[in-house]
Structures are given as C-alpha cells and as structure tokens.
Amino acid sequence: FNTGAVPIYYAREIVGIVCVDYEDRFFSESM
C-alpha cells in the first residue's frame, strides 16, 4: 500500500492520526 497520514490535534495536543491506504498497483505497474 501507499500510505498518507496526518495528525489529529485536540487542545493543541496530538490525540491520534488519520491514515489513508491506496493499493500500489499504479506505481508498481508504472515502474
């Protein structure tokens, strides 16, 4: 998978992260 993630802030503190996964067929096939 290709993965992206950003932090979640609450009261100026990181309380978790939101992540997204894409299957990497496009990139591997392009290579």
Full PDB file with SEQRES, HELIX, SHEET, SSBOND, CRYST1, ORIGX, SCALE, CONECT and MASTER records, all heavy atoms in Angstrom:
SEQRES   1 A   31  PHE ASN THR GLY ALA VAL PRO ILE TYR TYR ALA ARG GLU          
SEQRES   2 A   31  ILE VAL GLY ILE VAL CYS VAL ASP TYR GLU ASP ARG PHE          
SEQRES   3 A   31  PHE SER GLU SER MET                                          
HELIX    1 AA1 ARG A   25  SER A   30  1                                   6    
SHEET    1 AA1 2 ASN A   2  TYR A  10  0                                        
SHEET    2 AA1 2 GLU A  13  TYR A  22 -1                                        
CRYST1    1.000    1.000    1.000  90.00  90.00  90.00 P 1           1          
ORIGX1      1.000000  0.000000  0.000000        0.00000                         
ORIGX2      0.000000  1.000000  0.000000        0.00000                         
ORIGX3      0.000000  0.000000  1.000000        0.00000                         
SCALE1      1.000000  0.000000  0.000000        0.00000                         
SCALE2      0.000000  1.000000  0.000000        0.00000                         
SCALE3      0.000000  0.000000  1.000000        0.00000                         
ATOM      1  N   PHE A   1       0.817  -1.209   0.000  1.00  0.00           N  
ATOM      2  CA  PHE A   1       0.000   0.000   0.000  1.00  0.00           C  
ATOM      3  C   PHE A   1       0.851   1.259   0.000  1.00  0.00           C  
ATOM      4  O   PHE A   1       1.965   1.286   0.526  1.00  0.00           O  
ATOM      5  CB  PHE A   1      -0.918   0.030   1.233  1.00  0.00           C  
ATOM      6  CG  PHE A   1      -1.853  -1.135   1.317  1.00  0.00           C  
ATOM      7  CD1 PHE A   1      -1.542  -2.245   2.082  1.00  0.00           C  
ATOM      8  CD2 PHE A   1      -3.051  -1.117   0.618  1.00  0.00           C  
ATOM      9  CE1 PHE A   1      -2.406  -3.325   2.158  1.00  0.00           C  
ATOM     10  CE2 PHE A   1      -3.924  -2.199   0.685  1.00  0.00           C  
ATOM     11  CZ  PHE A   1      -3.604  -3.305   1.446  1.00  0.00           C  
ATOM     12  N   ASN A   2       0.287   2.298  -0.611  1.00  0.00           N  
ATOM     13  CA  ASN A   2       0.794   3.652  -0.461  1.00  0.00           C  
ATOM     14  C   ASN A   2      -0.001   4.299   0.672  1.00  0.00           C  
ATOM     15  O   ASN A   2      -1.229   4.204   0.699  1.00  0.00           O  
ATOM     16  CB  ASN A   2       0.596   4.452  -1.750  1.00  0.00           C  
ATOM     17  CG  ASN A   2       1.219   3.759  -2.941  1.00  0.00           C  
ATOM     18  OD1 ASN A   2       2.254   3.118  -2.805  1.00  0.00           O  
ATOM     19  ND2 ASN A   2       0.601   3.875  -4.100  1.00  0.00           N  
ATOM     20  N   THR A   3       0.687   4.957   1.586  1.00  0.00           N  
ATOM     21  CA  THR A   3       0.055   5.437   2.808  1.00  0.00           C  
ATOM     22  C   THR A   3       0.288   6.923   3.008  1.00  0.00           C  
ATOM     23  O   THR A   3       1.383   7.417   2.772  1.00  0.00           O  
ATOM     24  CB  THR A   3       0.607   4.677   4.035  1.00  0.00           C  
ATOM     25  OG1 THR A   3       0.333   3.286   3.876  1.00  0.00           O  
ATOM     26  CG2 THR A   3      -0.060   5.158   5.319  1.00  0.00           C  
ATOM     27  N   GLY A   4      -0.770   7.616   3.440  1.00  0.00           N  
ATOM     28  CA  GLY A   4      -0.662   9.008   3.862  1.00  0.00           C  
ATOM     29  C   GLY A   4      -1.267   9.149   5.248  1.00  0.00           C  
ATOM     30  O   GLY A   4      -2.219   8.433   5.598  1.00  0.00           O  
ATOM     31  N   ALA A   5      -0.720  10.052   6.050  1.00  0.00           N  
ATOM     32  CA  ALA A   5      -1.218  10.217   7.417  1.00  0.00           C  
ATOM     33  C   ALA A   5      -1.025  11.656   7.879  1.00  0.00           C  
ATOM     34  O   ALA A   5      -0.019  12.286   7.551  1.00  0.00           O  
ATOM     35  CB  ALA A   5      -0.504   9.249   8.377  1.00  0.00           C  
ATOM     36  N   VAL A   6      -2.008  12.150   8.633  1.00  0.00           N  
ATOM     37  CA  VAL A   6      -1.902  13.490   9.218  1.00  0.00           C  
ATOM     38  C   VAL A   6      -2.292  13.394  10.693  1.00  0.00           C  
ATOM     39  O   VAL A   6      -3.141  12.581  11.072  1.00  0.00           O  
ATOM     40  CB  VAL A   6      -2.810  14.505   8.496  1.00  0.00           C  
ATOM     41  CG1 VAL A   6      -2.404  14.655   7.039  1.00  0.00           C  
ATOM     42  CG2 VAL A   6      -4.268  14.108   8.592  1.00  0.00           C  
ATOM     43  N   PRO A   7      -1.674  14.227  11.538  1.00  0.00           N  
ATOM     44  CA  PRO A   7      -2.007  14.180  12.960  1.00  0.00           C  
ATOM     45  C   PRO A   7      -3.363  14.813  13.260  1.00  0.00           C  
ATOM     46  O   PRO A   7      -3.828  15.697  12.538  1.00  0.00           O  
ATOM     47  CB  PRO A   7      -0.864  14.984  13.602  1.00  0.00           C  
ATOM     48  CG  PRO A   7      -0.400  15.898  12.531  1.00  0.00           C  
ATOM     49  CD  PRO A   7      -0.586  15.168  11.246  1.00  0.00           C  
ATOM     50  N   ILE A   8      -3.991  14.356  14.332  1.00  0.00           N  
ATOM     51  CA  ILE A   8      -5.219  14.950  14.849  1.00  0.00           C  
ATOM     52  C   ILE A   8      -4.863  15.715  16.135  1.00  0.00           C  
ATOM     53  O   ILE A   8      -4.284  15.144  17.061  1.00  0.00           O  
ATOM     54  CB  ILE A   8      -6.277  13.883  15.177  1.00  0.00           C  
ATOM     55  CG1 ILE A   8      -6.547  12.997  13.965  1.00  0.00           C  
ATOM     56  CG2 ILE A   8      -7.561  14.534  15.668  1.00  0.00           C  
ATOM     57  CD1 ILE A   8      -7.470  11.835  14.272  1.00  0.00           C  
ATOM     58  N   TYR A   9      -5.199  16.975  16.151  1.00  0.00           N  
ATOM     59  CA  TYR A   9      -4.908  17.801  17.314  1.00  0.00           C  
ATOM     60  C   TYR A   9      -6.187  18.070  18.114  1.00  0.00           C  
ATOM     61  O   TYR A   9      -7.250  18.326  17.539  1.00  0.00           O  
ATOM     62  CB  TYR A   9      -4.303  19.140  16.898  1.00  0.00           C  
ATOM     63  CG  TYR A   9      -2.882  19.034  16.391  1.00  0.00           C  
ATOM     64  CD1 TYR A   9      -2.625  18.845  15.033  1.00  0.00           C  
ATOM     65  CD2 TYR A   9      -1.799  19.124  17.261  1.00  0.00           C  
ATOM     66  CE1 TYR A   9      -1.320  18.747  14.556  1.00  0.00           C  
ATOM     67  CE2 TYR A   9      -0.494  19.026  16.795  1.00  0.00           C  
ATOM     68  CZ  TYR A   9      -0.269  18.845  15.449  1.00  0.00           C  
ATOM     69  OH  TYR A   9       1.017  18.768  14.989  1.00  0.00           O  
ATOM     70  N   TYR A  10      -6.043  18.019  19.422  1.00  0.00           N  
ATOM     71  CA  TYR A  10      -7.132  18.411  20.320  1.00  0.00           C  
ATOM     72  C   TYR A  10      -6.499  19.125  21.497  1.00  0.00           C  
ATOM     73  O   TYR A  10      -5.614  18.572  22.163  1.00  0.00           O  
ATOM     74  CB  TYR A  10      -7.914  17.179  20.796  1.00  0.00           C  
ATOM     75  CG  TYR A  10      -9.136  17.527  21.615  1.00  0.00           C  
ATOM     76  CD1 TYR A  10     -10.330  17.883  20.972  1.00  0.00           C  
ATOM     77  CD2 TYR A  10      -9.103  17.510  23.004  1.00  0.00           C  
ATOM     78  CE1 TYR A  10     -11.463  18.195  21.706  1.00  0.00           C  
ATOM     79  CE2 TYR A  10     -10.238  17.823  23.748  1.00  0.00           C  
ATOM     80  CZ  TYR A  10     -11.408  18.174  23.105  1.00  0.00           C  
ATOM     81  OH  TYR A  10     -12.522  18.495  23.830  1.00  0.00           O  
ATOM     82  N   ALA A  11      -6.945  20.356  21.719  1.00  0.00           N  
ATOM     83  CA  ALA A  11      -6.330  21.184  22.765  1.00  0.00           C  
ATOM     84  C   ALA A  11      -4.823  21.291  22.548  1.00  0.00           C  
ATOM     85  O   ALA A  11      -4.028  21.223  23.474  1.00  0.00           O  
ATOM     86  CB  ALA A  11      -6.638  20.631  24.149  1.00  0.00           C  
ATOM     87  N   ARG A  12      -4.443  21.438  21.260  1.00  0.00           N  
ATOM     88  CA  ARG A  12      -3.052  21.628  20.855  1.00  0.00           C  
ATOM     89  C   ARG A  12      -2.159  20.422  21.142  1.00  0.00           C  
ATOM     90  O   ARG A  12      -0.942  20.532  21.168  1.00  0.00           O  
ATOM     91  CB  ARG A  12      -2.455  22.879  21.511  1.00  0.00           C  
ATOM     92  CG  ARG A  12      -3.157  24.167  21.105  1.00  0.00           C  
ATOM     93  CD  ARG A  12      -2.463  25.386  21.678  1.00  0.00           C  
ATOM     94  NE  ARG A  12      -3.139  26.610  21.231  1.00  0.00           N  
ATOM     95  CZ  ARG A  12      -2.735  27.831  21.551  1.00  0.00           C  
ATOM     96  NH1 ARG A  12      -1.657  27.992  22.314  1.00  0.00           N  
ATOM     97  NH2 ARG A  12      -3.387  28.896  21.122  1.00  0.00           N  
ATOM     98  N   GLU A  13      -2.765  19.268  21.341  1.00  0.00           N  
ATOM     99  CA  GLU A  13      -2.002  18.036  21.546  1.00  0.00           C  
ATOM    100  C   GLU A  13      -2.425  17.020  20.486  1.00  0.00           C  
ATOM    101  O   GLU A  13      -3.578  16.999  20.042  1.00  0.00           O  
ATOM    102  CB  GLU A  13      -2.231  17.459  22.951  1.00  0.00           C  
ATOM    103  CG  GLU A  13      -1.665  18.335  24.070  1.00  0.00           C  
ATOM    104  CD  GLU A  13      -1.799  17.647  25.425  1.00  0.00           C  
ATOM    105  OE1 GLU A  13      -2.362  16.530  25.462  1.00  0.00           O  
ATOM    106  OE2 GLU A  13      -1.346  18.220  26.431  1.00  0.00           O  
ATOM    107  N   ILE A  14      -1.479  16.190  20.087  1.00  0.00           N  
ATOM    108  CA  ILE A  14      -1.778  15.144  19.118  1.00  0.00           C  
ATOM    109  C   ILE A  14      -2.478  13.996  19.838  1.00  0.00           C  
ATOM    110  O   ILE A  14      -1.917  13.380  20.756  1.00  0.00           O  
ATOM    111  CB  ILE A  14      -0.482  14.642  18.439  1.00  0.00           C  
ATOM    112  CG1 ILE A  14       0.163  15.774  17.629  1.00  0.00           C  
ATOM    113  CG2 ILE A  14      -0.792  13.461  17.521  1.00  0.00           C  
ATOM    114  CD1 ILE A  14       1.483  15.396  16.999  1.00  0.00           C  
ATOM    115  N   VAL A  15      -3.714  13.723  19.417  1.00  0.00           N  
ATOM    116  CA  VAL A  15      -4.501  12.676  20.069  1.00  0.00           C  
ATOM    117  C   VAL A  15      -4.719  11.482  19.145  1.00  0.00           C  
ATOM    118  O   VAL A  15      -5.456  10.563  19.493  1.00  0.00           O  
ATOM    119  CB  VAL A  15      -5.857  13.231  20.543  1.00  0.00           C  
ATOM    120  CG1 VAL A  15      -5.661  14.277  21.631  1.00  0.00           C  
ATOM    121  CG2 VAL A  15      -6.628  13.834  19.366  1.00  0.00           C  
ATOM    122  N   GLY A  16      -4.087  11.505  18.000  1.00  0.00           N  
ATOM    123  CA  GLY A  16      -4.212  10.389  17.075  1.00  0.00           C  
ATOM    124  C   GLY A  16      -3.782  10.816  15.682  1.00  0.00           C  
ATOM    125  O   GLY A  16      -3.344  11.948  15.473  1.00  0.00           O  
ATOM    126  N   ILE A  17      -3.898   9.896  14.729  1.00  0.00           N  
ATOM    127  CA  ILE A  17      -3.587  10.219  13.334  1.00  0.00           C  
ATOM    128  C   ILE A  17      -4.659   9.613  12.433  1.00  0.00           C  
ATOM    129  O   ILE A  17      -5.236   8.568  12.748  1.00  0.00           O  
ATOM    130  CB  ILE A  17      -2.195   9.706  12.912  1.00  0.00           C  
ATOM    131  CG1 ILE A  17      -2.109   8.174  13.033  1.00  0.00           C  
ATOM    132  CG2 ILE A  17      -1.103  10.374  13.722  1.00  0.00           C  
ATOM    133  CD1 ILE A  17      -0.802   7.603  12.469  1.00  0.00           C  
ATOM    134  N   VAL A  18      -4.930  10.314  11.336  1.00  0.00           N  
ATOM    135  CA  VAL A  18      -5.834   9.807  10.305  1.00  0.00           C  
ATOM    136  C   VAL A  18      -4.982   9.288   9.145  1.00  0.00           C  
ATOM    137  O   VAL A  18      -4.089   9.993   8.672  1.00  0.00           O  
ATOM    138  CB  VAL A  18      -6.786  10.912   9.798  1.00  0.00           C  
ATOM    139  CG1 VAL A  18      -7.703  10.354   8.719  1.00  0.00           C  
ATOM    140  CG2 VAL A  18      -7.606  11.466  10.941  1.00  0.00           C  
ATOM    141  N   CYS A  19      -5.255   8.084   8.710  1.00  0.00           N  
ATOM    142  CA  CYS A  19      -4.425   7.434   7.694  1.00  0.00           C  
ATOM    143  C   CYS A  19      -5.288   6.998   6.512  1.00  0.00           C  
ATOM    144  O   CYS A  19      -6.462   6.677   6.670  1.00  0.00           O  
ATOM    145  CB  CYS A  19      -3.722   6.199   8.279  1.00  0.00           C  
ATOM    146  SG  CYS A  19      -2.951   6.482   9.883  1.00  0.00           S  
ATOM    147  N   VAL A  20      -4.684   6.987   5.351  1.00  0.00           N  
ATOM    148  CA  VAL A  20      -5.352   6.502   4.143  1.00  0.00           C  
ATOM    149  C   VAL A  20      -4.388   5.582   3.398  1.00  0.00           C  
ATOM    150  O   VAL A  20      -3.208   5.881   3.282  1.00  0.00           O  
ATOM    151  CB  VAL A  20      -5.813   7.673   3.248  1.00  0.00           C  
ATOM    152  CG1 VAL A  20      -4.653   8.571   2.882  1.00  0.00           C  
ATOM    153  CG2 VAL A  20      -6.483   7.156   1.982  1.00  0.00           C  
ATOM    154  N   ASP A  21      -4.897   4.452   2.925  1.00  0.00           N  
ATOM    155  CA  ASP A  21      -4.101   3.470   2.179  1.00  0.00           C  
ATOM    156  C   ASP A  21      -4.668   3.312   0.769  1.00  0.00           C  
ATOM    157  O   ASP A  21      -5.884   3.169   0.594  1.00  0.00           O  
ATOM    158  CB  ASP A  21      -4.131   2.096   2.869  1.00  0.00           C  
ATOM    159  CG  ASP A  21      -3.187   2.029   4.059  1.00  0.00           C  
ATOM    160  OD1 ASP A  21      -2.419   2.986   4.244  1.00  0.00           O  
ATOM    161  OD2 ASP A  21      -3.247   1.036   4.795  1.00  0.00           O  
ATOM    162  N   TYR A  22      -3.785   3.374  -0.223  1.00  0.00           N  
ATOM    163  CA  TYR A  22      -4.129   3.026  -1.601  1.00  0.00           C  
ATOM    164  C   TYR A  22      -3.295   1.815  -1.991  1.00  0.00           C  
ATOM    165  O   TYR A  22      -2.110   1.745  -1.657  1.00  0.00           O  
ATOM    166  CB  TYR A  22      -3.798   4.169  -2.564  1.00  0.00           C  
ATOM    167  CG  TYR A  22      -4.826   5.265  -2.641  1.00  0.00           C  
ATOM    168  CD1 TYR A  22      -4.860   6.272  -1.695  1.00  0.00           C  
ATOM    169  CD2 TYR A  22      -5.754   5.296  -3.672  1.00  0.00           C  
ATOM    170  CE1 TYR A  22      -5.799   7.300  -1.772  1.00  0.00           C  
ATOM    171  CE2 TYR A  22      -6.688   6.311  -3.767  1.00  0.00           C  
ATOM    172  CZ  TYR A  22      -6.712   7.314  -2.812  1.00  0.00           C  
ATOM    173  OH  TYR A  22      -7.637   8.313  -2.901  1.00  0.00           O  
ATOM    174  N   GLU A  23      -3.917   0.874  -2.703  1.00  0.00           N  
ATOM    175  CA  GLU A  23      -3.136  -0.226  -3.253  1.00  0.00           C  
ATOM    176  C   GLU A  23      -2.123   0.333  -4.247  1.00  0.00           C  
ATOM    177  O   GLU A  23      -2.442   1.253  -5.002  1.00  0.00           O  
ATOM    178  CB  GLU A  23      -4.053  -1.244  -3.927  1.00  0.00           C  
ATOM    179  CG  GLU A  23      -4.894  -2.038  -2.938  1.00  0.00           C  
ATOM    180  CD  GLU A  23      -5.736  -3.094  -3.622  1.00  0.00           C  
ATOM    181  OE1 GLU A  23      -6.381  -2.769  -4.634  1.00  0.00           O  
ATOM    182  OE2 GLU A  23      -5.732  -4.235  -3.148  1.00  0.00           O  
ATOM    183  N   ASP A  24      -0.917  -0.206  -4.242  1.00  0.00           N  
ATOM    184  CA  ASP A  24       0.176   0.415  -5.006  1.00  0.00           C  
ATOM    185  C   ASP A  24       0.300  -0.145  -6.425  1.00  0.00           C  
ATOM    186  O   ASP A  24       1.340  -0.033  -7.035  1.00  0.00           O  
ATOM    187  CB  ASP A  24       1.507   0.249  -4.266  1.00  0.00           C  
ATOM    188  CG  ASP A  24       2.045  -1.184  -4.376  1.00  0.00           C  
ATOM    189  OD1 ASP A  24       1.230  -2.093  -4.611  1.00  0.00           O  
ATOM    190  OD2 ASP A  24       3.253  -1.371  -4.242  1.00  0.00           O  
ATOM    191  N   ARG A  25      -0.783  -0.696  -6.955  1.00  0.00           N  
ATOM    192  CA  ARG A  25      -0.694  -1.269  -8.299  1.00  0.00           C  
ATOM    193  C   ARG A  25      -0.245  -0.233  -9.328  1.00  0.00           C  
ATOM    194  O   ARG A  25       0.566  -0.520 -10.199  1.00  0.00           O  
ATOM    195  CB  ARG A  25      -2.048  -1.852  -8.719  1.00  0.00           C  
ATOM    196  CG  ARG A  25      -2.458  -3.111  -7.976  1.00  0.00           C  
ATOM    197  CD  ARG A  25      -3.628  -3.760  -8.686  1.00  0.00           C  
ATOM    198  NE  ARG A  25      -4.738  -2.837  -8.835  1.00  0.00           N  
ATOM    199  CZ  ARG A  25      -5.726  -2.710  -7.966  1.00  0.00           C  
ATOM    200  NH1 ARG A  25      -5.735  -3.449  -6.876  1.00  0.00           N  
ATOM    201  NH2 ARG A  25      -6.702  -1.853  -8.170  1.00  0.00           N  
ATOM    202  N   PHE A  26      -0.774   0.990  -9.205  1.00  0.00           N  
ATOM    203  CA  PHE A  26      -0.451   2.005 -10.205  1.00  0.00           C  
ATOM    204  C   PHE A  26       1.045   2.288 -10.235  1.00  0.00           C  
ATOM    205  O   PHE A  26       1.664   2.301 -11.291  1.00  0.00           O  
ATOM    206  CB  PHE A  26      -1.216   3.296  -9.918  1.00  0.00           C  
ATOM    207  CG  PHE A  26      -0.822   4.426 -10.825  1.00  0.00           C  
ATOM    208  CD1 PHE A  26      -1.304   4.500 -12.117  1.00  0.00           C  
ATOM    209  CD2 PHE A  26       0.062   5.407 -10.388  1.00  0.00           C  
ATOM    210  CE1 PHE A  26      -0.936   5.525 -12.960  1.00  0.00           C  
ATOM    211  CE2 PHE A  26       0.433   6.438 -11.229  1.00  0.00           C  
ATOM    212  CZ  PHE A  26      -0.070   6.504 -12.516  1.00  0.00           C  
ATOM    213  N   PHE A  27       1.634   2.506  -9.059  1.00  0.00           N  
ATOM    214  CA  PHE A  27       3.044   2.869  -9.020  1.00  0.00           C  
ATOM    215  C   PHE A  27       3.920   1.693  -9.448  1.00  0.00           C  
ATOM    216  O   PHE A  27       4.849   1.864 -10.234  1.00  0.00           O  
ATOM    217  CB  PHE A  27       3.423   3.332  -7.619  1.00  0.00           C  
ATOM    218  CG  PHE A  27       4.788   3.971  -7.558  1.00  0.00           C  
ATOM    219  CD1 PHE A  27       4.985   5.251  -8.022  1.00  0.00           C  
ATOM    220  CD2 PHE A  27       5.871   3.274  -7.045  1.00  0.00           C  
ATOM    221  CE1 PHE A  27       6.240   5.842  -7.980  1.00  0.00           C  
ATOM    222  CE2 PHE A  27       7.132   3.848  -6.993  1.00  0.00           C  
ATOM    223  CZ  PHE A  27       7.301   5.145  -7.461  1.00  0.00           C  
ATOM    224  N   SER A  28       3.634   0.501  -8.944  1.00  0.00           N  
ATOM    225  CA  SER A  28       4.465  -0.652  -9.305  1.00  0.00           C  
ATOM    226  C   SER A  28       4.328  -0.985 -10.790  1.00  0.00           C  
ATOM    227  O   SER A  28       5.305  -1.324 -11.453  1.00  0.00           O  
ATOM    228  CB  SER A  28       4.077  -1.862  -8.442  1.00  0.00           C  
ATOM    229  OG  SER A  28       2.712  -2.201  -8.644  1.00  0.00           O  
ATOM    230  N   GLU A  29       3.089  -0.850 -11.304  1.00  0.00           N  
ATOM    231  CA  GLU A  29       2.896  -1.124 -12.725  1.00  0.00           C  
ATOM    232  C   GLU A  29       3.572  -0.058 -13.585  1.00  0.00           C  
ATOM    233  O   GLU A  29       4.097  -0.364 -14.663  1.00  0.00           O  
ATOM    234  CB  GLU A  29       1.404  -1.201 -13.043  1.00  0.00           C  
ATOM    235  CG  GLU A  29       0.737  -2.456 -12.496  1.00  0.00           C  
ATOM    236  CD  GLU A  29      -0.751  -2.461 -12.742  1.00  0.00           C  
ATOM    237  OE1 GLU A  29      -1.248  -1.498 -13.370  1.00  0.00           O  
ATOM    238  OE2 GLU A  29      -1.425  -3.415 -12.319  1.00  0.00           O  
ATOM    239  N   SER A  30       3.549   1.195 -13.125  1.00  0.00           N  
ATOM    240  CA  SER A  30       4.228   2.245 -13.886  1.00  0.00           C  
ATOM    241  C   SER A  30       5.730   2.013 -13.900  1.00  0.00           C  
ATOM    242  O   SER A  30       6.399   2.259 -14.912  1.00  0.00           O  
ATOM    243  CB  SER A  30       3.906   3.625 -13.291  1.00  0.00           C  
ATOM    244  OG  SER A  30       4.460   3.756 -11.989  1.00  0.00           O  
ATOM    245  N   MET A  31       6.291   1.521 -12.788  1.00  0.00           N  
ATOM    246  CA  MET A  31       7.711   1.197 -12.746  1.00  0.00           C  
ATOM    247  C   MET A  31       8.017   0.037 -13.694  1.00  0.00           C  
ATOM    248  O   MET A  31       9.014   0.067 -14.422  1.00  0.00           O  
ATOM    249  CB  MET A  31       8.114   0.832 -11.317  1.00  0.00           C  
ATOM    250  CG  MET A  31       8.084   1.999 -10.344  1.00  0.00           C  
ATOM    251  SD  MET A  31       9.390   3.199 -10.685  1.00  0.00           S  
ATOM    252  CE  MET A  31      10.819   2.227 -10.224  1.00  0.00           C  
TER     253      MET A  31                                                      
MASTER        0    0    0    1    2    0    0    6  252    1    0    3          
END                                                                             
